[in-house]
Amino acid sequence: MRDLLNKVANGEMTPEEAEAALRSVRATSTGEAQTPGAAQASDTEPATEPVRRIVVRGSAVRLVVIGDPGVDTAIADGPHRVSHVGDTLTVHSDLQAGEYEAQAPRSVFTTWLNNVNRAGSTLHVRVNPELPLEVLNVAGSLELSGVHATTSVGVEAGSAKLHDGAGTLALSVASGSADVEWQFTGDCSVSVDLGSARLNALPGSDVAIKAEATLGLATIRLADGTTIKATPEGHPPVSAGAGAGRLAAATRMGSLVVTVY
């Protein structure tokens, strides 16, 4: 049982595969034969939908997400648990020790203290770079690289570094900071509240950029050295590439710098 649960937690086996293995072991140990009726009931169970979207949730951890073409969906290493609902595979950071581990009874305070001591652990997640990705990290740090599908990132009370990425990006930073090097295409957006962000639109980007600031500062820097400071009244769009897509960048009570190469 422990071995199966560890394999599920490490992403080596799906919950469904573990359940089937456990049934097989129990049947072998008890000498029970599966009845035709039981086989038919198993055959009628709904099949799990193929994974078409990856979600990663981190809290109080150092979260590292890397696009890896050799991964079918996602593989995680570190304190985590996995759920598969519909076509979405979700990896959650989990600082709990695990219900299957034998432990002496603990008070609420002792349990909280144990989780605080484990905060700051590193969770590595390798994902298929062509699957749409959603990442949220709270009170921790995030490093994201090598993804090319539609990507949505939320950072709350933490920091983020996004690099070697391409495609449509939606980024939200609240009370934190972000350092982004991205090939922007499609309909992209960046919002910063009580924080800061530095965006580098890499060569190959194809968006029209508009920036705005409310009680903050937003600046666009062009390759020729021209600097455009955004105002509440707005400014003419600045093109990176042909400007086929759109990058809407906004800050409220924060700072934002967009550099176009």
Protein backbone atom coordinates (compact mmCIF):
# COMPACT_ATOMS: atom_id res chain seq x y z
CA MET A 1 0.00 0.00 0.00
CA ARG A 2 2.79 2.42 0.98
CA ASP A 3 4.70 1.67 -2.23
CA LEU A 4 1.64 2.31 -4.39
CA LEU A 5 0.82 5.57 -2.63
CA ASN A 6 4.40 6.79 -3.00
CA LYS A 7 4.32 6.02 -6.73
CA VAL A 8 1.07 7.99 -7.12
CA ALA A 9 2.50 10.92 -5.13
CA ASN A 10 5.64 10.95 -7.30
CA GLY A 11 3.67 10.85 -10.54
CA GLU A 12 4.95 7.39 -11.49
CA MET A 13 1.45 5.91 -11.45
CA THR A 14 -2.07 7.27 -11.81
CA PRO A 15 -4.64 6.70 -9.03
CA GLU A 16 -6.56 4.42 -11.38
CA GLU A 17 -3.47 2.27 -12.07
CA ALA A 18 -2.75 2.03 -8.34
CA GLU A 19 -6.32 0.96 -7.61
CA ALA A 20 -6.14 -1.75 -10.27
CA ALA A 21 -2.81 -3.00 -8.88
CA LEU A 22 -4.23 -3.09 -5.37
CA ARG A 23 -7.25 -5.10 -6.50
CA SER A 24 -4.92 -7.55 -8.23
CA VAL A 25 -2.79 -7.99 -5.10
CA ARG A 26 -5.83 -8.52 -2.90
CA ALA A 27 -7.33 -11.06 -5.30
CA THR A 28 -4.04 -13.00 -5.39
CA SER A 29 -3.57 -12.99 -1.62
CA THR A 30 -7.14 -14.10 -0.87
CA GLY A 31 -7.46 -16.51 -3.79
CA GLU A 32 -10.65 -14.80 -4.88
CA ALA A 33 -11.66 -15.08 -8.52
CA GLN A 34 -13.29 -12.15 -10.20
CA THR A 35 -16.89 -12.91 -11.08
CA PRO A 36 -18.24 -12.17 -14.56
CA GLY A 37 -20.57 -9.59 -13.04
CA ALA A 38 -17.67 -7.78 -11.37
CA ALA A 39 -15.73 -7.71 -14.65
CA GLN A 40 -18.69 -6.22 -16.47
CA ALA A 41 -19.12 -3.58 -13.77
CA SER A 42 -15.44 -2.62 -14.12
CA ASP A 43 -15.75 -2.41 -17.90
CA THR A 44 -18.61 0.05 -17.60
CA GLU A 45 -16.62 2.51 -15.44
CA PRO A 46 -16.13 5.83 -17.29
CA ALA A 47 -12.63 6.21 -18.72
CA THR A 48 -10.51 9.16 -17.63
CA GLU A 49 -10.40 11.92 -20.24
CA PRO A 50 -7.06 12.59 -21.94
CA VAL A 51 -5.12 15.46 -20.38
CA ARG A 52 -5.41 18.61 -22.47
CA ARG A 53 -4.51 21.21 -19.82
CA ILE A 54 -2.02 21.44 -16.95
CA VAL A 55 -2.59 23.42 -13.73
CA VAL A 56 0.12 23.93 -11.10
CA ARG A 57 -0.69 25.38 -7.67
CA GLY A 58 2.11 26.35 -5.28
CA SER A 59 1.97 27.81 -1.78
CA ALA A 60 4.97 28.76 0.37
CA VAL A 61 7.33 26.79 -1.90
CA ARG A 62 10.06 27.42 -4.43
CA LEU A 63 8.24 26.35 -7.58
CA VAL A 64 10.22 25.44 -10.69
CA VAL A 65 8.20 24.65 -13.84
CA ILE A 66 10.09 23.53 -16.94
CA GLY A 67 8.78 22.72 -20.40
CA ASP A 68 10.10 19.28 -21.39
CA PRO A 69 9.20 17.80 -24.82
CA GLY A 70 9.94 14.34 -23.42
CA VAL A 71 7.03 14.54 -20.95
CA ASP A 72 3.53 13.51 -22.07
CA THR A 73 1.68 15.59 -19.46
CA ALA A 74 3.48 16.51 -16.21
CA ILE A 75 5.95 14.95 -13.77
CA ALA A 76 6.49 16.43 -10.30
CA ASP A 77 9.31 16.03 -7.81
CA GLY A 78 8.88 17.47 -4.33
CA PRO A 79 6.03 17.86 -1.83
CA HIS A 80 2.89 17.56 -3.93
CA ARG A 81 -0.35 15.78 -4.72
CA VAL A 82 -2.04 15.28 -8.07
CA SER A 83 -5.66 15.34 -9.22
CA HIS A 84 -7.12 14.56 -12.64
CA VAL A 85 -10.59 15.98 -13.24
CA GLY A 86 -12.04 16.03 -16.73
CA ASP A 87 -9.27 16.97 -19.16
CA THR A 88 -7.28 18.91 -16.53
CA LEU A 89 -4.31 17.54 -14.58
CA THR A 90 -3.57 19.58 -11.47
CA VAL A 91 -0.37 19.47 -9.41
CA HIS A 92 -0.76 20.96 -5.94
CA SER A 93 2.14 21.70 -3.62
CA ASP A 94 1.48 19.85 -0.35
CA LEU A 95 3.51 20.41 2.80
CA GLN A 96 1.52 17.80 4.71
CA ALA A 97 3.39 14.61 5.56
CA GLY A 98 0.69 12.40 4.04
CA GLU A 99 -2.26 10.59 5.58
CA TYR A 100 -0.76 7.17 4.90
CA GLU A 101 2.28 7.77 7.12
CA ALA A 102 2.01 6.59 10.72
CA GLN A 103 2.17 9.55 13.08
CA ALA A 104 1.55 10.20 16.75
CA PRO A 105 -1.43 12.47 17.48
CA ARG A 106 -0.56 16.15 17.14
CA SER A 107 -2.10 19.38 18.30
CA VAL A 108 -3.18 21.99 15.79
CA PHE A 109 -0.22 24.16 16.81
CA THR A 110 2.30 21.35 16.32
CA THR A 111 0.86 20.56 12.88
CA TRP A 112 1.07 24.24 11.91
CA LEU A 113 4.66 24.47 13.17
CA ASN A 114 5.64 21.40 11.15
CA ASN A 115 4.22 22.95 7.98
CA VAL A 116 6.08 26.21 8.65
CA ASN A 117 9.32 24.29 8.98
CA ARG A 118 8.71 22.64 5.62
CA ALA A 119 7.81 25.91 3.91
CA GLY A 120 10.37 26.90 1.34
CA SER A 121 10.69 23.38 0.00
CA THR A 122 11.32 23.08 -3.73
CA LEU A 123 8.75 21.59 -6.05
CA HIS A 124 10.01 20.78 -9.56
CA VAL A 125 7.38 20.18 -12.24
CA ARG A 126 8.23 19.17 -15.80
CA VAL A 127 5.38 19.78 -18.23
CA ASN A 128 4.67 19.14 -21.87
CA PRO A 129 5.50 22.54 -23.43
CA GLU A 130 2.67 22.30 -25.97
CA LEU A 131 -0.17 21.87 -23.42
CA PRO A 132 -1.98 24.98 -22.15
CA LEU A 133 -0.62 25.82 -18.70
CA GLU A 134 -1.95 27.67 -15.68
CA VAL A 135 0.31 28.43 -12.71
CA LEU A 136 -0.48 30.12 -9.40
CA ASN A 137 2.15 30.60 -6.70
CA VAL A 138 1.37 32.26 -3.38
CA ALA A 139 3.96 33.42 -0.84
CA GLY A 140 6.82 31.76 -2.67
CA SER A 141 9.05 32.03 -5.71
CA LEU A 142 8.41 30.79 -9.23
CA GLU A 143 10.75 30.00 -12.10
CA LEU A 144 9.06 29.10 -15.38
CA SER A 145 10.83 28.28 -18.63
CA GLY A 146 10.53 26.52 -21.96
CA VAL A 147 6.76 26.59 -22.50
CA HIS A 148 5.20 27.46 -25.85
CA ALA A 149 1.46 26.99 -25.36
CA THR A 150 -1.08 29.47 -23.97
CA THR A 151 0.14 30.26 -20.45
CA SER A 152 -1.53 31.95 -17.48
CA VAL A 153 0.54 32.88 -14.42
CA GLY A 154 -0.53 34.37 -11.10
CA VAL A 155 1.94 35.56 -8.45
CA GLU A 156 0.75 36.70 -5.04
CA ALA A 157 3.12 37.96 -2.35
CA GLY A 158 6.06 36.38 -4.11
CA SER A 159 8.46 36.65 -7.02
CA ALA A 160 8.55 35.14 -10.50
CA LYS A 161 11.10 34.68 -13.25
CA LEU A 162 9.72 33.70 -16.65
CA HIS A 163 12.13 33.06 -19.50
CA ASP A 164 12.65 31.08 -22.70
CA GLY A 165 8.90 31.13 -23.32
CA ALA A 166 6.78 31.87 -26.36
CA GLY A 167 3.12 32.28 -27.16
CA THR A 168 0.13 33.89 -25.48
CA LEU A 169 0.84 34.95 -21.89
CA ALA A 170 -1.50 36.29 -19.20
CA LEU A 171 0.42 37.41 -16.10
CA SER A 172 -0.95 38.83 -12.85
CA VAL A 173 1.32 40.08 -10.07
CA ALA A 174 -0.07 41.19 -6.69
CA SER A 175 2.28 42.44 -3.98
CA GLY A 176 5.21 40.82 -5.71
CA SER A 177 7.67 41.10 -8.57
CA ALA A 178 8.18 39.51 -11.96
CA ASP A 179 11.08 39.36 -14.41
CA VAL A 180 9.89 38.21 -17.85
CA GLU A 181 11.73 37.40 -21.08
CA TRP A 182 9.13 36.19 -23.56
CA GLN A 183 8.29 35.95 -27.23
CA PHE A 184 4.84 37.53 -27.06
CA THR A 185 2.21 36.48 -29.63
CA GLY A 186 -1.58 36.46 -29.62
CA ASP A 187 -3.69 38.30 -27.07
CA CYS A 188 -1.42 38.87 -24.04
CA SER A 189 -1.94 40.78 -20.82
CA VAL A 190 0.14 41.78 -17.80
CA SER A 191 -1.27 43.40 -14.67
CA VAL A 192 0.71 44.57 -11.64
CA ASP A 193 -0.86 45.65 -8.34
CA LEU A 194 1.35 46.93 -5.54
CA GLY A 195 4.37 45.35 -7.17
CA SER A 196 6.81 45.57 -10.05
CA ALA A 197 7.42 43.85 -13.37
CA ARG A 198 10.12 43.98 -16.02
CA LEU A 199 9.09 42.66 -19.43
CA ASN A 200 11.44 41.95 -22.31
CA ALA A 201 9.65 41.39 -25.62
CA LEU A 202 12.13 39.08 -27.31
CA PRO A 203 12.83 39.07 -31.07
CA GLY A 204 10.03 37.16 -32.77
CA SER A 205 7.35 38.87 -30.69
CA ASP A 206 4.38 39.99 -32.77
CA VAL A 207 2.18 42.29 -30.67
CA ALA A 208 1.01 45.88 -30.44
CA ILE A 209 1.91 47.10 -26.95
CA LYS A 210 -0.14 49.50 -24.85
CA ALA A 211 0.81 50.34 -21.27
CA GLU A 212 -1.05 52.28 -18.62
CA ALA A 213 -0.36 53.28 -15.03
CA THR A 214 -2.68 54.29 -12.21
CA LEU A 215 -0.83 55.80 -9.25
CA GLY A 216 2.29 54.14 -10.58
CA LEU A 217 4.82 54.24 -13.39
CA ALA A 218 4.79 52.37 -16.71
CA THR A 219 7.53 52.80 -19.29
CA ILE A 220 8.17 51.34 -22.76
CA ARG A 221 11.74 51.28 -24.03
CA LEU A 222 12.42 50.81 -27.73
CA ALA A 223 15.47 49.29 -29.40
CA ASP A 224 16.56 52.72 -30.71
CA GLY A 225 16.69 54.14 -27.19
CA THR A 226 13.32 55.92 -27.31
CA THR A 227 11.43 55.90 -24.01
CA ILE A 228 7.65 56.24 -23.76
CA LYS A 229 6.05 56.92 -20.39
CA ALA A 230 2.48 55.78 -20.10
CA THR A 231 -0.16 58.13 -18.74
CA PRO A 232 -3.78 57.55 -17.70
CA GLU A 233 -4.75 59.11 -21.05
CA GLY A 234 -2.85 56.37 -22.90
CA HIS A 235 -0.47 56.46 -25.85
CA PRO A 236 -0.35 55.15 -29.43
CA PRO A 237 0.37 51.40 -29.59
CA VAL A 238 4.02 50.40 -29.92
CA SER A 239 4.65 47.48 -32.26
CA ALA A 240 6.93 44.55 -31.62
CA GLY A 241 7.20 42.78 -34.95
CA ALA A 242 4.21 43.34 -37.22
CA GLY A 243 1.91 43.95 -34.27
CA ALA A 244 -0.57 41.25 -35.21
CA GLY A 245 -1.35 40.40 -31.59
CA ARG A 246 -1.84 42.56 -28.53
CA LEU A 247 -0.01 43.10 -25.25
CA ALA A 248 -1.97 45.12 -22.69
CA ALA A 249 0.27 45.99 -19.74
CA ALA A 250 -1.10 47.84 -16.74
CA THR A 251 0.12 48.74 -13.27
CA ARG A 252 -1.74 50.10 -10.28
CA MET A 253 0.33 51.56 -7.46
CA GLY A 254 3.37 49.78 -8.87
CA SER A 255 6.03 49.94 -11.56
CA LEU A 256 6.21 48.36 -14.99
CA VAL A 257 8.95 48.48 -17.65
CA VAL A 258 8.50 46.97 -21.12
CA THR A 259 11.59 46.67 -23.34
CA VAL A 260 11.23 45.94 -27.05
CA TYR A 261 14.20 44.35 -28.82
